Amino acid sequence: MISELSRFVIACISRFGYAGILFTMAVESACIPLPSEIIMPFSGYLVLSGQFTMLGVTLAGAVGNVVGSVAAYYAGIWGGRPFVERYGPYFLVSHRDLDVADRWFLKYGEAAVFFSRMLPVVRTFISLPAGIARMNFPRFVLFTFLGALPWCYLLAYIGLKMGERWEELRDYFHRFDIVIGVILAIIIGLFVWSHWPKRRATLP
């Protein structure tokens, strides 16, 4: 049975096309629970029917991600952590989710904005600590867009290949989110570790 959430996504994208993809991805990236694991695979499935192109759905998804992330970024700037902690629960943003994103940003800095777009939980909430830290805005937008591109393309491509079975992806991705997160964290950790001696050598 198709969930109400899936029905909303399907109706929005079916009616508004690329604008529907952009809107729903913006909602998800603004820390409102509308999983991209539904949005992008369905969009990829519609590529199969000839309604969209892969380039179009990927760009629409990435731009939507930027739009929603900018909203969350400014929420972090204007309200700071107290604002997010007070009003976040109304949008299902838990203190735990915010703590995870905070630790990720503090550990990896601006690079976290890029890498986190491919990680569970963190990808949705990383914009908040970036705003609280007042990360350079053009860099934030650039890193967000570049990080969102491969994620949007991957989900759309899998939806294209799975065809009418695209909805099964949500269960698969929730099952493997932790594995994906661990693998990417190891890759990023190795990258930081391998470059750290060079950074220390350049310090006065």
Protein backbone atom coordinates (compact mmCIF):
# COMPACT_ATOMS: atom_id res chain seq x y z
CA MET A 1 0.00 0.00 0.00
CA ILE A 2 1.30 3.44 -0.92
CA SER A 3 1.75 5.64 2.14
CA GLU A 4 0.23 9.08 2.43
CA LEU A 5 3.71 10.55 2.17
CA SER A 6 4.31 8.76 -1.08
CA ARG A 7 0.91 9.87 -2.37
CA PHE A 8 1.81 13.50 -1.69
CA VAL A 9 5.14 13.20 -3.50
CA ILE A 10 3.58 11.40 -6.46
CA ALA A 11 0.77 13.95 -6.76
CA CYS A 12 3.12 16.93 -6.48
CA ILE A 13 5.64 15.69 -9.03
CA SER A 14 3.01 14.32 -11.41
CA ARG A 15 1.17 17.66 -11.45
CA PHE A 16 4.03 20.16 -11.41
CA GLY A 17 6.84 18.24 -13.10
CA TYR A 18 10.37 19.53 -12.49
CA ALA A 19 8.98 22.27 -10.24
CA GLY A 20 7.41 19.53 -8.11
CA ILE A 21 10.78 17.79 -7.77
CA LEU A 22 12.43 21.08 -6.82
CA PHE A 23 9.72 21.89 -4.27
CA THR A 24 9.65 18.50 -2.55
CA MET A 25 13.45 18.35 -2.34
CA ALA A 26 13.47 21.88 -0.92
CA VAL A 27 10.98 20.79 1.74
CA GLU A 28 13.15 17.81 2.66
CA SER A 29 16.31 19.92 2.85
CA ALA A 30 14.60 22.52 5.05
CA CYS A 31 14.56 19.87 7.81
CA ILE A 32 10.95 18.84 7.17
CA PRO A 33 10.56 15.04 7.01
CA LEU A 34 9.92 14.30 3.34
CA PRO A 35 12.53 11.67 2.38
CA SER A 36 14.53 12.05 -0.81
CA GLU A 37 14.42 8.24 -0.96
CA ILE A 38 10.85 8.68 -2.21
CA ILE A 39 11.22 11.85 -4.28
CA MET A 40 14.18 11.04 -6.50
CA PRO A 41 13.45 7.36 -7.25
CA PHE A 42 9.92 8.26 -8.36
CA SER A 43 11.39 11.00 -10.55
CA GLY A 44 13.79 8.44 -12.02
CA TYR A 45 10.88 6.10 -12.69
CA LEU A 46 9.19 8.90 -14.66
CA VAL A 47 12.35 9.20 -16.78
CA LEU A 48 11.60 5.65 -17.87
CA SER A 49 8.18 6.75 -19.11
CA GLY A 50 9.70 9.63 -21.07
CA GLN A 51 8.22 12.42 -18.95
CA PHE A 52 11.59 13.63 -17.65
CA THR A 53 15.30 13.40 -18.46
CA MET A 54 18.01 12.25 -16.06
CA LEU A 55 19.77 15.59 -16.37
CA GLY A 56 16.55 17.44 -15.63
CA VAL A 57 15.59 15.46 -12.53
CA THR A 58 19.15 15.55 -11.16
CA LEU A 59 19.43 19.33 -11.53
CA ALA A 60 15.91 19.91 -10.18
CA GLY A 61 16.69 17.77 -7.15
CA ALA A 62 20.05 19.44 -6.49
CA VAL A 63 18.64 22.97 -6.88
CA GLY A 64 15.76 22.06 -4.58
CA ASN A 65 18.28 20.78 -2.07
CA VAL A 66 20.08 24.12 -2.20
CA VAL A 67 16.85 26.13 -1.76
CA GLY A 68 15.79 24.17 1.32
CA SER A 69 19.30 24.14 2.75
CA VAL A 70 19.55 27.93 2.42
CA ALA A 71 16.34 28.27 4.46
CA ALA A 72 17.81 26.05 7.19
CA TYR A 73 21.14 27.90 6.96
CA TYR A 74 19.46 31.24 7.67
CA ALA A 75 17.43 29.71 10.49
CA GLY A 76 20.79 28.86 12.05
CA ILE A 77 22.13 32.38 11.47
CA TRP A 78 19.12 34.34 12.68
CA GLY A 79 18.02 32.17 15.57
CA GLY A 80 21.13 30.28 16.56
CA ARG A 81 20.97 27.01 18.45
CA PRO A 82 18.39 28.22 21.03
CA PHE A 83 15.92 28.94 18.21
CA VAL A 84 16.51 25.56 16.59
CA GLU A 85 16.20 23.73 19.91
CA ARG A 86 12.96 25.54 20.73
CA TYR A 87 11.16 25.26 17.41
CA GLY A 88 12.93 22.29 15.83
CA PRO A 89 10.66 19.66 17.45
CA TYR A 90 7.68 21.15 15.61
CA PHE A 91 9.40 20.02 12.40
CA LEU A 92 10.57 16.72 13.94
CA VAL A 93 14.12 18.04 14.38
CA SER A 94 15.29 16.31 17.56
CA HIS A 95 18.12 17.45 19.82
CA ARG A 96 19.90 14.22 18.96
CA ASP A 97 19.76 14.95 15.23
CA LEU A 98 21.12 18.45 15.83
CA ASP A 99 23.90 17.12 18.07
CA VAL A 100 24.98 14.66 15.36
CA ALA A 101 25.10 17.42 12.74
CA ASP A 102 26.95 19.73 15.15
CA ARG A 103 29.64 17.16 15.88
CA TRP A 104 30.04 16.39 12.17
CA PHE A 105 30.46 20.07 11.29
CA LEU A 106 32.87 20.74 14.17
CA LYS A 107 34.97 17.73 13.22
CA TYR A 108 35.20 18.24 9.46
CA GLY A 109 34.44 21.95 9.03
CA GLU A 110 33.14 23.27 5.72
CA ALA A 111 33.93 20.00 3.93
CA ALA A 112 31.17 18.41 6.01
CA VAL A 113 28.59 20.37 4.03
CA PHE A 114 29.72 18.56 0.86
CA PHE A 115 30.18 15.04 2.21
CA SER A 116 27.12 15.07 4.47
CA ARG A 117 24.73 15.30 1.50
CA MET A 118 25.37 11.58 1.01
CA LEU A 119 24.96 10.55 4.67
CA PRO A 120 21.89 9.52 6.67
CA VAL A 121 20.44 12.04 9.16
CA VAL A 122 23.36 14.45 8.80
CA ARG A 123 22.48 15.35 5.19
CA THR A 124 19.20 16.93 6.31
CA PHE A 125 20.44 18.87 9.33
CA ILE A 126 24.01 19.94 8.46
CA SER A 127 22.76 23.33 7.21
CA LEU A 128 21.77 24.36 10.74
CA PRO A 129 25.27 24.22 12.33
CA ALA A 130 26.71 25.71 9.13
CA GLY A 131 24.42 28.70 9.61
CA ILE A 132 25.10 28.93 13.33
CA ALA A 133 28.85 28.97 12.53
CA ARG A 134 28.19 31.60 9.81
CA MET A 135 29.94 29.62 7.12
CA ASN A 136 30.78 31.66 4.02
CA PHE A 137 27.49 31.73 2.08
CA PRO A 138 28.78 31.27 -1.51
CA ARG A 139 30.90 28.32 -0.36
CA PHE A 140 27.91 26.87 1.48
CA VAL A 141 25.76 27.07 -1.66
CA LEU A 142 28.52 25.60 -3.85
CA PHE A 143 29.32 22.71 -1.51
CA THR A 144 25.63 21.96 -1.02
CA PHE A 145 24.96 21.85 -4.76
CA LEU A 146 28.02 19.72 -5.56
CA GLY A 147 27.25 17.32 -2.73
CA ALA A 148 23.59 17.00 -3.71
CA LEU A 149 24.28 16.20 -7.38
CA PRO A 150 25.64 12.64 -6.96
CA TRP A 151 23.01 11.77 -4.33
CA CYS A 152 20.13 12.96 -6.52
CA TYR A 153 21.55 11.25 -9.60
CA LEU A 154 22.11 7.96 -7.77
CA LEU A 155 18.57 7.79 -6.39
CA ALA A 156 17.02 8.79 -9.72
CA TYR A 157 19.16 6.28 -11.63
CA ILE A 158 18.18 3.42 -9.31
CA GLY A 159 14.53 4.44 -9.64
CA LEU A 160 14.96 4.37 -13.41
CA LYS A 161 16.43 0.87 -13.32
CA MET A 162 13.86 -0.51 -10.86
CA GLY A 163 10.89 0.83 -12.80
CA GLU A 164 7.56 0.14 -11.12
CA ARG A 165 9.39 -1.35 -8.12
CA TRP A 166 10.88 2.07 -7.25
CA GLU A 167 8.99 2.25 -3.93
CA GLU A 168 10.95 -0.69 -2.56
CA LEU A 169 13.99 1.60 -2.47
CA ARG A 170 12.88 3.39 0.66
CA ASP A 171 13.06 0.21 2.73
CA TYR A 172 16.40 -0.73 1.17
CA PHE A 173 17.96 2.65 1.86
CA HIS A 174 16.78 2.75 5.46
CA ARG A 175 18.25 -0.73 5.89
CA PHE A 176 21.64 0.27 4.48
CA ASP A 177 21.85 3.89 5.68
CA ILE A 178 24.12 2.91 8.57
CA VAL A 179 26.42 0.88 6.31
CA ILE A 180 26.61 3.75 3.80
CA GLY A 181 27.35 6.19 6.61
CA VAL A 182 30.14 4.05 8.09
CA ILE A 183 31.80 3.53 4.70
CA LEU A 184 31.74 7.24 3.84
CA ALA A 185 32.93 8.19 7.33
CA ILE A 186 35.92 5.85 6.93
CA ILE A 187 36.74 7.32 3.51
CA ILE A 188 36.54 10.88 4.84
CA GLY A 189 38.55 9.94 7.93
CA LEU A 190 41.32 8.45 5.79
CA PHE A 191 41.34 11.56 3.60
CA VAL A 192 41.69 13.87 6.62
CA TRP A 193 44.33 11.64 8.23
CA SER A 194 46.42 11.46 5.04
CA HIS A 195 46.36 15.24 4.59
CA TRP A 196 46.85 16.21 8.23
CA PRO A 197 50.67 15.72 8.28
CA LYS A 198 50.95 18.04 5.27
CA ARG A 199 48.89 20.68 7.04
CA ARG A 200 51.01 20.42 10.18
CA ALA A 201 54.18 20.74 8.11
CA THR A 202 52.98 24.05 6.68
CA LEU A 203 52.18 25.54 10.09
CA PRO A 204 54.71 28.12 11.40
